[in-house]
C-alpha atoms as a PDB file:
ATOM      1  CA  MET A   1      31.835 -28.956 -42.196  1.00  0.00           C
ATOM      2  CA  MET A   2      29.325 -27.124 -44.426  1.00  0.00           C
ATOM      3  CA  GLU A   3      31.616 -27.207 -47.419  1.00  0.00           C
ATOM      4  CA  GLN A   4      32.362 -30.910 -46.902  1.00  0.00           C
ATOM      5  CA  VAL A   5      28.636 -31.699 -46.793  1.00  0.00           C
ATOM      6  CA  LEU A   6      27.943 -29.602 -49.879  1.00  0.00           C
ATOM      7  CA  ARG A   7      30.786 -31.101 -51.905  1.00  0.00           C
ATOM      8  CA  SER A   8      30.409 -34.758 -50.930  1.00  0.00           C
ATOM      9  CA  MET A   9      26.680 -35.366 -50.625  1.00  0.00           C
ATOM     10  CA  ARG A  10      24.378 -35.498 -53.647  1.00  0.00           C
ATOM     11  CA  THR A  11      20.925 -36.711 -52.502  1.00  0.00           C
ATOM     12  CA  ILE A  12      18.900 -34.241 -50.456  1.00  0.00           C
ATOM     13  CA  ALA A  13      15.503 -34.972 -48.911  1.00  0.00           C
ATOM     14  CA  VAL A  14      13.664 -31.690 -48.321  1.00  0.00           C
ATOM     15  CA  VAL A  15      11.326 -32.159 -45.353  1.00  0.00           C
ATOM     16  CA  GLY A  16       8.543 -29.607 -45.547  1.00  0.00           C
ATOM     17  CA  ALA A  17       8.911 -29.133 -49.287  1.00  0.00           C
ATOM     18  CA  SER A  18       6.202 -27.032 -50.865  1.00  0.00           C
ATOM     19  CA  ASP A  19       4.646 -27.042 -54.318  1.00  0.00           C
ATOM     20  CA  ARG A  20       4.085 -23.275 -53.981  1.00  0.00           C
ATOM     21  CA  PRO A  21       6.853 -21.353 -55.796  1.00  0.00           C
ATOM     22  CA  GLU A  22       6.658 -18.436 -53.352  1.00  0.00           C
ATOM     23  CA  ARG A  23       7.660 -20.663 -50.405  1.00  0.00           C
ATOM     24  CA  ALA A  24      11.312 -20.753 -49.321  1.00  0.00           C
ATOM     25  CA  SER A  25      11.397 -24.559 -49.371  1.00  0.00           C
ATOM     26  CA  HIS A  26      10.342 -24.577 -53.031  1.00  0.00           C
ATOM     27  CA  GLY A  27      12.947 -21.992 -54.024  1.00  0.00           C
ATOM     28  CA  VAL A  28      15.750 -23.752 -52.185  1.00  0.00           C
ATOM     29  CA  ALA A  29      14.833 -27.169 -53.581  1.00  0.00           C
ATOM     30  CA  SER A  30      14.583 -25.790 -57.131  1.00  0.00           C
ATOM     31  CA  TYR A  31      17.987 -24.149 -56.771  1.00  0.00           C
ATOM     32  CA  LEU A  32      19.538 -27.359 -55.439  1.00  0.00           C
ATOM     33  CA  GLN A  33      18.158 -29.375 -58.325  1.00  0.00           C
ATOM     34  CA  ARG A  34      19.539 -26.870 -60.838  1.00  0.00           C
ATOM     35  CA  ALA A  35      22.892 -27.121 -59.017  1.00  0.00           C
ATOM     36  CA  GLY A  36      22.968 -30.862 -59.743  1.00  0.00           C
ATOM     37  CA  PHE A  37      21.646 -32.374 -56.526  1.00  0.00           C
ATOM     38  CA  HIS A  38      19.093 -35.189 -56.504  1.00  0.00           C
ATOM     39  CA  VAL A  39      16.209 -33.548 -54.621  1.00  0.00           C
ATOM     40  CA  ILE A  40      13.435 -35.575 -53.010  1.00  0.00           C
ATOM     41  CA  ALA A  41      10.402 -33.766 -51.586  1.00  0.00           C
ATOM     42  CA  VAL A  42       8.974 -34.973 -48.264  1.00  0.00           C
ATOM     43  CA  ASN A  43       5.550 -33.664 -47.279  1.00  0.00           C
ATOM     44  CA  PRO A  44       2.593 -35.805 -46.162  1.00  0.00           C
ATOM     45  CA  LYS A  45       0.166 -33.169 -47.482  1.00  0.00           C
ATOM     46  CA  LEU A  46       1.417 -33.414 -51.074  1.00  0.00           C
ATOM     47  CA  SER A  47       1.186 -36.164 -53.658  1.00  0.00           C
ATOM     48  CA  GLY A  48       2.391 -36.763 -57.171  1.00  0.00           C
ATOM     49  CA  GLU A  49       5.720 -35.342 -58.260  1.00  0.00           C
ATOM     50  CA  LEU A  50       7.786 -32.335 -57.342  1.00  0.00           C
ATOM     51  CA  PHE A  51      11.163 -31.414 -58.851  1.00  0.00           C
ATOM     52  CA  GLY A  52      10.834 -34.375 -61.217  1.00  0.00           C
ATOM     53  CA  ASN A  53      10.633 -36.998 -58.460  1.00  0.00           C
ATOM     54  CA  PRO A  54       7.784 -38.591 -56.494  1.00  0.00           C
ATOM     55  CA  VAL A  55       6.780 -36.775 -53.309  1.00  0.00           C
ATOM     56  CA  HIS A  56       7.028 -38.930 -50.177  1.00  0.00           C
ATOM     57  CA  ALA A  57       5.035 -38.638 -46.971  1.00  0.00           C
ATOM     58  CA  ALA A  58       8.009 -39.568 -44.758  1.00  0.00           C
ATOM     59  CA  LEU A  59      11.738 -40.163 -44.978  1.00  0.00           C
ATOM     60  CA  GLU A  60      11.092 -43.852 -44.368  1.00  0.00           C
ATOM     61  CA  ASP A  61       9.106 -43.999 -47.642  1.00  0.00           C
ATOM     62  CA  ILE A  62      12.109 -43.015 -49.779  1.00  0.00           C
ATOM     63  CA  PRO A  63      13.458 -46.172 -51.458  1.00  0.00           C
ATOM     64  CA  SER A  64      17.000 -44.869 -52.053  1.00  0.00           C
ATOM     65  CA  PRO A  65      19.784 -43.741 -49.700  1.00  0.00           C
ATOM     66  CA  ILE A  66      19.602 -40.161 -48.402  1.00  0.00           C
ATOM     67  CA  ASP A  67      22.689 -38.053 -47.839  1.00  0.00           C
ATOM     68  CA  VAL A  68      21.219 -34.853 -46.380  1.00  0.00           C
ATOM     69  CA  VAL A  69      17.885 -34.234 -44.680  1.00  0.00           C
ATOM     70  CA  ASP A  70      17.121 -30.534 -45.255  1.00  0.00           C
ATOM     71  CA  VAL A  71      14.519 -29.431 -42.700  1.00  0.00           C
ATOM     72  CA  PHE A  72      11.910 -26.724 -43.317  1.00  0.00           C
ATOM     73  CA  ARG A  73       9.842 -27.328 -40.179  1.00  0.00           C
ATOM     74  CA  ARG A  74       9.267 -25.452 -36.925  1.00  0.00           C
ATOM     75  CA  PRO A  75      11.826 -26.158 -34.189  1.00  0.00           C
ATOM     76  CA  GLU A  76       9.312 -28.171 -32.163  1.00  0.00           C
ATOM     77  CA  ASP A  77       8.871 -30.500 -35.168  1.00  0.00           C
ATOM     78  CA  VAL A  78      12.603 -31.229 -35.499  1.00  0.00           C
ATOM     79  CA  PRO A  79      12.999 -34.166 -33.029  1.00  0.00           C
ATOM     80  CA  PRO A  80      10.851 -36.659 -34.975  1.00  0.00           C
ATOM     81  CA  VAL A  81      12.580 -35.630 -38.227  1.00  0.00           C
ATOM     82  CA  VAL A  82      15.972 -36.289 -36.625  1.00  0.00           C
ATOM     83  CA  ASP A  83      14.728 -39.658 -35.363  1.00  0.00           C
ATOM     84  CA  SER A  84      13.659 -40.534 -38.916  1.00  0.00           C
ATOM     85  CA  ALA A  85      16.957 -39.304 -40.368  1.00  0.00           C
ATOM     86  CA  ILE A  86      18.813 -41.589 -37.968  1.00  0.00           C
ATOM     87  CA  ARG A  87      16.525 -44.542 -38.796  1.00  0.00           C
ATOM     88  CA  VAL A  88      17.042 -44.213 -42.555  1.00  0.00           C
ATOM     89  CA  GLY A  89      20.796 -43.827 -42.263  1.00  0.00           C
ATOM     90  CA  ALA A  90      21.107 -40.246 -43.512  1.00  0.00           C
ATOM     91  CA  LYS A  91      24.586 -38.757 -43.309  1.00  0.00           C
ATOM     92  CA  ALA A  92      23.619 -35.204 -42.360  1.00  0.00           C
ATOM     93  CA  VAL A  93      20.780 -33.087 -41.018  1.00  0.00           C
ATOM     94  CA  TRP A  94      20.563 -29.493 -42.203  1.00  0.00           C
ATOM     95  CA  LEU A  95      18.209 -27.191 -40.272  1.00  0.00           C
ATOM     96  CA  GLN A  96      17.348 -24.184 -42.371  1.00  0.00           C
ATOM     97  CA  LEU A  97      17.808 -20.543 -41.422  1.00  0.00           C
ATOM     98  CA  GLY A  98      16.047 -19.751 -38.147  1.00  0.00           C
ATOM     99  CA  ILE A  99      15.701 -23.404 -37.113  1.00  0.00           C
ATOM    100  CA  THR A 100      17.554 -24.882 -34.161  1.00  0.00           C
ATOM    101  CA  HIS A 101      16.852 -27.614 -31.641  1.00  0.00           C
ATOM    102  CA  PRO A 102      19.884 -28.279 -29.403  1.00  0.00           C
ATOM    103  CA  GLU A 103      18.637 -31.604 -28.013  1.00  0.00           C
ATOM    104  CA  ALA A 104      17.746 -33.048 -31.421  1.00  0.00           C
ATOM    105  CA  GLU A 105      21.014 -31.742 -32.870  1.00  0.00           C
ATOM    106  CA  ALA A 106      22.972 -33.455 -30.071  1.00  0.00           C
ATOM    107  CA  LYS A 107      21.076 -36.703 -30.694  1.00  0.00           C
ATOM    108  CA  ALA A 108      21.907 -36.560 -34.412  1.00  0.00           C
ATOM    109  CA  ARG A 109      25.591 -35.897 -33.693  1.00  0.00           C
ATOM    110  CA  ALA A 110      25.684 -38.764 -31.183  1.00  0.00           C
ATOM    111  CA  ALA A 111      24.301 -41.024 -33.934  1.00  0.00           C
ATOM    112  CA  GLY A 112      27.139 -39.962 -36.245  1.00  0.00           C
ATOM    113  CA  LEU A 113      25.302 -37.476 -38.462  1.00  0.00           C
ATOM    114  CA  ALA A 114      26.798 -34.157 -39.489  1.00  0.00           C
ATOM    115  CA  VAL A 115      24.562 -31.353 -38.209  1.00  0.00           C
ATOM    116  CA  ILE A 116      24.213 -27.836 -39.543  1.00  0.00           C
ATOM    117  CA  SER A 117      21.608 -25.527 -38.064  1.00  0.00           C
ATOM    118  CA  ASP A 118      20.327 -22.009 -38.617  1.00  0.00           C
ATOM    119  CA  HIS A 119      21.846 -21.759 -42.119  1.00  0.00           C
ATOM    120  CA  CYS A 120      20.266 -21.735 -45.559  1.00  0.00           C
ATOM    121  CA  LEU A 121      21.548 -24.580 -47.730  1.00  0.00           C
ATOM    122  CA  LYS A 122      21.031 -22.523 -50.893  1.00  0.00           C
ATOM    123  CA  VAL A 123      22.925 -19.502 -49.545  1.00  0.00           C
ATOM    124  CA  GLU A 124      25.800 -21.609 -48.240  1.00  0.00           C
ATOM    125  CA  HIS A 125      26.076 -23.579 -51.477  1.00  0.00           C
ATOM    126  CA  ALA A 126      26.229 -20.389 -53.519  1.00  0.00           C
ATOM    127  CA  ARG A 127      28.859 -18.983 -51.137  1.00  0.00           C
ATOM    128  CA  LEU A 128      31.062 -22.068 -50.700  1.00  0.00           C
ATOM    129  CA  VAL A 129      30.747 -23.987 -53.969  1.00  0.00           C
ATOM    130  CA  PRO A 130      31.034 -21.478 -56.826  1.00  0.00           C
END
């Protein structure tokens, strides 16, 4: 499923994106943009632009369709992100390395979203899509 998501989906909303280059979310998002993905930063504490696109406070604020919601949030913060991903019609939820939430993952799957958890999108892209 990872390879299918990586090969077929082009717009990635990074929830918990950071403007600080030393943060994992910044490095992953930068890599994804260089790899040709359309990266949209989601962080209510940021404003302006990041990765060449406007930063949004919530998934619901993004005016275009979202393929993958890439989550850089603590596990306890995952359920509302999944609810938003379902509301906006995202196709997949990707929980980054170290992040799982079985109930929220089950809810996303039941709503028809592909779910990948506890894996780094950047690492898997580099491994599966040379």
